[in-house]
Amino acid sequence: SLSPADKDAIFERSALVEQFAMRRKKAGDGAAPRRPAVPTPGGVLPSIRAQNIGVVMAFLKMPLAALKQALLDMDSDSLDTESLQALSTVMPTADEVELVQQAAEASFA
């Protein structure tokens, strides 16, 4: 048999689990359907992608020109392994490069 202290501990744990557990919504219970990532207004990349790039840029704490120069110079003082790994997660795809180039050309036309 459980001691009163053990019973209290079990109750406290189950109360915590019940209060803080994440609940998944079932389909059709009023949950909004997920929308696919769409380009941001005025932007050419999907909003999630743009946000991820922004997070990495904030992590690096470098102006874009300084980042470009550090990459060209292979400056290991400015860009450590962690910074390079973060950058590798947001490298543009060929399609993204093309989208950005088209948007830049259209804005100067």
N, C-alpha and C. Protein backbone atom coordinates (compact mmCIF):
# COMPACT_ATOMS: atom_id res chain seq x y z
N SER A 1 0.85 -1.18 0.00
CA SER A 1 0.00 0.00 0.00
C SER A 1 0.89 1.24 0.00
N LEU A 2 0.38 2.29 -0.60
CA LEU A 2 1.14 3.53 -0.70
C LEU A 2 0.97 4.38 0.55
N SER A 3 2.04 5.03 0.93
CA SER A 3 1.98 5.94 2.07
C SER A 3 1.23 7.21 1.63
N PRO A 4 0.72 7.98 2.58
CA PRO A 4 0.05 9.24 2.22
C PRO A 4 0.95 10.18 1.41
N ALA A 5 2.24 10.21 1.71
CA ALA A 5 3.16 11.07 0.96
C ALA A 5 3.28 10.61 -0.48
N ASP A 6 3.33 9.27 -0.69
CA ASP A 6 3.41 8.73 -2.05
C ASP A 6 2.13 9.04 -2.83
N LYS A 7 0.98 8.93 -2.17
CA LYS A 7 -0.29 9.24 -2.82
C LYS A 7 -0.34 10.71 -3.23
N ASP A 8 0.15 11.59 -2.34
CA ASP A 8 0.19 13.02 -2.66
C ASP A 8 1.10 13.29 -3.85
N ALA A 9 2.24 12.61 -3.90
CA ALA A 9 3.19 12.80 -5.00
C ALA A 9 2.58 12.35 -6.32
N ILE A 10 1.88 11.24 -6.33
CA ILE A 10 1.24 10.74 -7.54
C ILE A 10 0.16 11.72 -7.98
N PHE A 11 -0.63 12.23 -7.04
CA PHE A 11 -1.68 13.18 -7.37
C PHE A 11 -1.09 14.46 -7.95
N GLU A 12 -0.03 14.97 -7.31
CA GLU A 12 0.58 16.21 -7.78
C GLU A 12 1.12 16.05 -9.20
N ARG A 13 1.75 14.91 -9.47
CA ARG A 13 2.30 14.68 -10.81
C ARG A 13 1.18 14.61 -11.83
N SER A 14 0.12 13.88 -11.52
CA SER A 14 -0.96 13.76 -12.50
C SER A 14 -1.66 15.10 -12.72
N ALA A 15 -1.75 15.91 -11.67
CA ALA A 15 -2.35 17.23 -11.81
C ALA A 15 -1.47 18.12 -12.70
N LEU A 16 -0.16 18.04 -12.52
CA LEU A 16 0.75 18.82 -13.36
C LEU A 16 0.68 18.38 -14.81
N VAL A 17 0.69 17.08 -15.03
CA VAL A 17 0.62 16.56 -16.39
C VAL A 17 -0.68 17.02 -17.04
N GLU A 18 -1.79 16.91 -16.31
CA GLU A 18 -3.08 17.31 -16.86
C GLU A 18 -3.10 18.80 -17.19
N GLN A 19 -2.53 19.61 -16.33
CA GLN A 19 -2.57 21.06 -16.53
C GLN A 19 -1.64 21.53 -17.65
N PHE A 20 -0.46 20.92 -17.76
CA PHE A 20 0.53 21.43 -18.69
C PHE A 20 0.75 20.58 -19.93
N ALA A 21 0.05 19.49 -20.07
CA ALA A 21 0.22 18.64 -21.24
C ALA A 21 -0.32 19.35 -22.47
N MET A 22 0.37 19.15 -23.59
CA MET A 22 -0.11 19.72 -24.85
C MET A 22 -1.20 18.81 -25.39
N ARG A 23 -2.25 19.43 -25.81
CA ARG A 23 -3.36 18.66 -26.36
C ARG A 23 -3.42 18.89 -27.86
N ARG A 24 -3.63 17.82 -28.58
CA ARG A 24 -3.77 17.93 -30.03
C ARG A 24 -5.24 18.08 -30.36
N LYS A 25 -5.49 18.98 -31.29
CA LYS A 25 -6.87 19.17 -31.72
C LYS A 25 -7.20 18.12 -32.76
N LYS A 26 -8.39 17.61 -32.69
CA LYS A 26 -8.84 16.64 -33.66
C LYS A 26 -9.39 17.38 -34.87
N ALA A 27 -9.27 16.75 -36.04
CA ALA A 27 -9.80 17.36 -37.26
C ALA A 27 -11.29 17.58 -37.10
N GLY A 28 -11.75 18.74 -37.49
CA GLY A 28 -13.18 19.02 -37.44
C GLY A 28 -13.66 19.57 -36.11
N ASP A 29 -12.77 19.86 -35.16
CA ASP A 29 -13.22 20.37 -33.87
C ASP A 29 -13.04 21.89 -33.78
N GLY A 30 -13.08 22.53 -34.94
CA GLY A 30 -12.97 23.98 -34.94
C GLY A 30 -11.56 24.46 -35.21
N ALA A 31 -10.63 23.54 -35.36
CA ALA A 31 -9.25 23.95 -35.64
C ALA A 31 -9.17 24.45 -37.08
N ALA A 32 -8.50 25.54 -37.26
CA ALA A 32 -8.34 26.10 -38.59
C ALA A 32 -7.40 25.21 -39.41
N PRO A 33 -7.72 24.97 -40.66
CA PRO A 33 -6.82 24.15 -41.48
C PRO A 33 -5.53 24.89 -41.73
N ARG A 34 -4.44 24.14 -41.82
CA ARG A 34 -3.13 24.75 -42.07
C ARG A 34 -3.07 25.23 -43.50
N ARG A 35 -2.54 26.43 -43.66
CA ARG A 35 -2.37 26.97 -44.99
C ARG A 35 -0.93 26.74 -45.42
N PRO A 36 -0.73 26.49 -46.72
CA PRO A 36 0.64 26.35 -47.18
C PRO A 36 1.36 27.69 -47.09
N ALA A 37 2.67 27.63 -46.97
CA ALA A 37 3.45 28.86 -46.91
C ALA A 37 3.29 29.60 -48.23
N VAL A 38 2.98 30.86 -48.13
CA VAL A 38 2.81 31.69 -49.32
C VAL A 38 3.78 32.84 -49.25
N PRO A 39 4.14 33.38 -50.40
CA PRO A 39 5.05 34.53 -50.36
C PRO A 39 4.46 35.66 -49.53
N THR A 40 5.32 36.35 -48.83
CA THR A 40 4.88 37.47 -48.01
C THR A 40 4.52 38.63 -48.91
N PRO A 41 3.60 39.49 -48.46
CA PRO A 41 3.28 40.65 -49.27
C PRO A 41 4.54 41.48 -49.47
N GLY A 42 4.82 41.79 -50.72
CA GLY A 42 6.00 42.58 -51.02
C GLY A 42 7.28 41.76 -51.04
N GLY A 43 7.21 40.52 -50.65
CA GLY A 43 8.38 39.65 -50.63
C GLY A 43 8.27 38.57 -51.68
N VAL A 44 9.36 37.90 -51.90
CA VAL A 44 9.35 36.84 -52.91
C VAL A 44 9.50 35.46 -52.30
N LEU A 45 9.87 35.40 -51.04
CA LEU A 45 10.05 34.12 -50.37
C LEU A 45 8.85 33.83 -49.47
N PRO A 46 8.54 32.56 -49.25
CA PRO A 46 7.48 32.24 -48.29
C PRO A 46 7.80 32.83 -46.92
N SER A 47 6.78 33.20 -46.18
CA SER A 47 6.99 33.90 -44.91
C SER A 47 7.81 33.09 -43.92
N ILE A 48 7.62 31.79 -43.85
CA ILE A 48 8.39 30.95 -42.92
C ILE A 48 9.86 30.96 -43.30
N ARG A 49 10.13 30.87 -44.59
CA ARG A 49 11.52 30.89 -45.07
C ARG A 49 12.18 32.23 -44.74
N ALA A 50 11.45 33.31 -45.00
CA ALA A 50 11.98 34.64 -44.70
C ALA A 50 12.25 34.79 -43.20
N GLN A 51 11.35 34.25 -42.38
CA GLN A 51 11.53 34.33 -40.93
C GLN A 51 12.77 33.53 -40.50
N ASN A 52 12.96 32.36 -41.06
CA ASN A 52 14.13 31.54 -40.72
C ASN A 52 15.43 32.26 -41.08
N ILE A 53 15.43 32.90 -42.23
CA ILE A 53 16.62 33.66 -42.64
C ILE A 53 16.86 34.81 -41.67
N GLY A 54 15.79 35.49 -41.28
CA GLY A 54 15.90 36.59 -40.33
C GLY A 54 16.45 36.15 -38.99
N VAL A 55 16.04 34.97 -38.54
CA VAL A 55 16.53 34.44 -37.26
C VAL A 55 18.04 34.18 -37.35
N VAL A 56 18.48 33.59 -38.44
CA VAL A 56 19.91 33.31 -38.60
C VAL A 56 20.69 34.61 -38.69
N MET A 57 20.18 35.58 -39.41
CA MET A 57 20.88 36.87 -39.53
C MET A 57 20.97 37.55 -38.16
N ALA A 58 19.91 37.47 -37.37
CA ALA A 58 19.95 38.05 -36.03
C ALA A 58 20.96 37.31 -35.15
N PHE A 59 21.04 36.00 -35.32
CA PHE A 59 22.00 35.19 -34.56
C PHE A 59 23.44 35.61 -34.90
N LEU A 60 23.70 35.90 -36.17
CA LEU A 60 25.05 36.25 -36.61
C LEU A 60 25.46 37.65 -36.15
N LYS A 61 24.51 38.53 -35.98
CA LYS A 61 24.78 39.90 -35.51
C LYS A 61 25.83 40.60 -36.37
N MET A 62 25.67 40.45 -37.69
CA MET A 62 26.58 41.09 -38.64
C MET A 62 25.76 41.76 -39.73
N PRO A 63 26.17 42.93 -40.15
CA PRO A 63 25.51 43.52 -41.33
C PRO A 63 25.77 42.63 -42.54
N LEU A 64 24.89 42.68 -43.50
CA LEU A 64 25.00 41.82 -44.68
C LEU A 64 26.32 42.04 -45.42
N ALA A 65 26.76 43.28 -45.55
CA ALA A 65 28.02 43.56 -46.24
C ALA A 65 29.20 42.93 -45.51
N ALA A 66 29.20 42.98 -44.18
CA ALA A 66 30.28 42.38 -43.39
C ALA A 66 30.25 40.86 -43.50
N LEU A 67 29.06 40.30 -43.55
CA LEU A 67 28.91 38.85 -43.71
C LEU A 67 29.47 38.41 -45.06
N LYS A 68 29.10 39.14 -46.09
CA LYS A 68 29.59 38.83 -47.44
C LYS A 68 31.11 38.87 -47.47
N GLN A 69 31.69 39.91 -46.90
CA GLN A 69 33.15 40.05 -46.91
C GLN A 69 33.82 38.95 -46.09
N ALA A 70 33.23 38.60 -44.96
CA ALA A 70 33.80 37.53 -44.13
C ALA A 70 33.78 36.20 -44.87
N LEU A 71 32.70 35.95 -45.63
CA LEU A 71 32.63 34.72 -46.41
C LEU A 71 33.65 34.73 -47.54
N LEU A 72 33.76 35.86 -48.24
CA LEU A 72 34.73 35.94 -49.34
C LEU A 72 36.17 35.80 -48.85
N ASP A 73 36.44 36.36 -47.67
CA ASP A 73 37.78 36.30 -47.10
C ASP A 73 38.04 35.00 -46.34
N MET A 74 37.01 34.19 -46.19
CA MET A 74 37.09 32.97 -45.37
C MET A 74 37.65 33.31 -43.99
N ASP A 75 37.07 34.32 -43.40
CA ASP A 75 37.51 34.88 -42.11
C ASP A 75 36.99 34.02 -40.96
N SER A 76 37.84 33.17 -40.44
CA SER A 76 37.44 32.27 -39.35
C SER A 76 37.31 32.99 -38.02
N ASP A 77 37.84 34.21 -37.92
CA ASP A 77 37.66 35.00 -36.70
C ASP A 77 36.24 35.54 -36.61
N SER A 78 35.68 35.91 -37.76
CA SER A 78 34.32 36.45 -37.78
C SER A 78 33.27 35.36 -37.85
N LEU A 79 33.59 34.28 -38.54
CA LEU A 79 32.62 33.19 -38.74
C LEU A 79 33.17 31.89 -38.17
N ASP A 80 32.66 31.51 -37.01
CA ASP A 80 33.08 30.25 -36.41
C ASP A 80 32.25 29.11 -36.98
N THR A 81 32.52 27.91 -36.53
CA THR A 81 31.82 26.72 -37.04
C THR A 81 30.31 26.82 -36.82
N GLU A 82 29.90 27.30 -35.66
CA GLU A 82 28.47 27.42 -35.36
C GLU A 82 27.79 28.40 -36.32
N SER A 83 28.45 29.50 -36.62
CA SER A 83 27.90 30.48 -37.55
C SER A 83 27.77 29.89 -38.95
N LEU A 84 28.79 29.15 -39.38
CA LEU A 84 28.74 28.54 -40.70
C LEU A 84 27.65 27.48 -40.78
N GLN A 85 27.47 26.72 -39.71
CA GLN A 85 26.39 25.73 -39.69
C GLN A 85 25.03 26.41 -39.78
N ALA A 86 24.87 27.53 -39.07
CA ALA A 86 23.60 28.27 -39.12
C ALA A 86 23.36 28.79 -40.53
N LEU A 87 24.40 29.32 -41.15
CA LEU A 87 24.28 29.81 -42.52
C LEU A 87 23.91 28.70 -43.49
N SER A 88 24.47 27.52 -43.28
CA SER A 88 24.19 26.42 -44.20
C SER A 88 22.72 26.02 -44.18
N THR A 89 22.02 26.32 -43.10
CA THR A 89 20.60 25.96 -43.03
C THR A 89 19.71 26.90 -43.83
N VAL A 90 20.24 28.07 -44.21
CA VAL A 90 19.43 29.04 -44.97
C VAL A 90 20.04 29.36 -46.32
N MET A 91 20.91 28.51 -46.81
CA MET A 91 21.48 28.72 -48.15
C MET A 91 20.34 28.71 -49.16
N PRO A 92 20.34 29.64 -50.10
CA PRO A 92 19.24 29.69 -51.07
C PRO A 92 19.32 28.56 -52.08
N THR A 93 18.14 28.11 -52.49
CA THR A 93 18.07 27.12 -53.56
C THR A 93 18.19 27.87 -54.89
N ALA A 94 18.39 27.14 -55.97
CA ALA A 94 18.48 27.76 -57.29
C ALA A 94 17.18 28.49 -57.63
N ASP A 95 16.05 27.91 -57.24
CA ASP A 95 14.75 28.55 -57.49
C ASP A 95 14.63 29.86 -56.72
N GLU A 96 15.10 29.88 -55.48
CA GLU A 96 15.03 31.11 -54.68
C GLU A 96 15.92 32.20 -55.27
N VAL A 97 17.08 31.83 -55.74
CA VAL A 97 17.98 32.81 -56.37
C VAL A 97 17.29 33.41 -57.59
N GLU A 98 16.66 32.56 -58.38
CA GLU A 98 15.96 33.04 -59.58
C GLU A 98 14.80 33.96 -59.21
N LEU A 99 14.03 33.60 -58.19
CA LEU A 99 12.92 34.45 -57.75
C LEU A 99 13.41 35.82 -57.30
N VAL A 100 14.47 35.85 -56.54
CA VAL A 100 15.01 37.12 -56.04
C VAL A 100 15.55 37.95 -57.20
N GLN A 101 16.24 37.31 -58.14
CA GLN A 101 16.76 38.05 -59.29
C GLN A 101 15.63 38.63 -60.12
N GLN A 102 14.56 37.85 -60.35
CA GLN A 102 13.42 38.34 -61.11
C GLN A 102 12.75 39.52 -60.40
N ALA A 103 12.61 39.42 -59.09
CA ALA A 103 11.99 40.52 -58.33
C ALA A 103 12.86 41.77 -58.39
N ALA A 104 14.17 41.59 -58.31
CA ALA A 104 15.08 42.74 -58.37
C ALA A 104 15.01 43.39 -59.75
N GLU A 105 14.97 42.60 -60.80
CA GLU A 105 14.87 43.14 -62.16
C GLU A 105 13.56 43.86 -62.36
N ALA A 106 12.48 43.29 -61.81
CA ALA A 106 11.16 43.91 -61.97
C ALA A 106 11.07 45.23 -61.23
N SER A 107 11.76 45.33 -60.09
CA SER A 107 11.68 46.56 -59.31
C SER A 107 12.49 47.69 -59.94
N PHE A 108 13.49 47.34 -60.78
CA PHE A 108 14.30 48.37 -61.44
C PHE A 108 13.82 48.65 -62.86
N ALA A 109 12.84 47.91 -63.32
CA ALA A 109 12.34 48.09 -64.70
C ALA A 109 11.40 49.27 -64.81
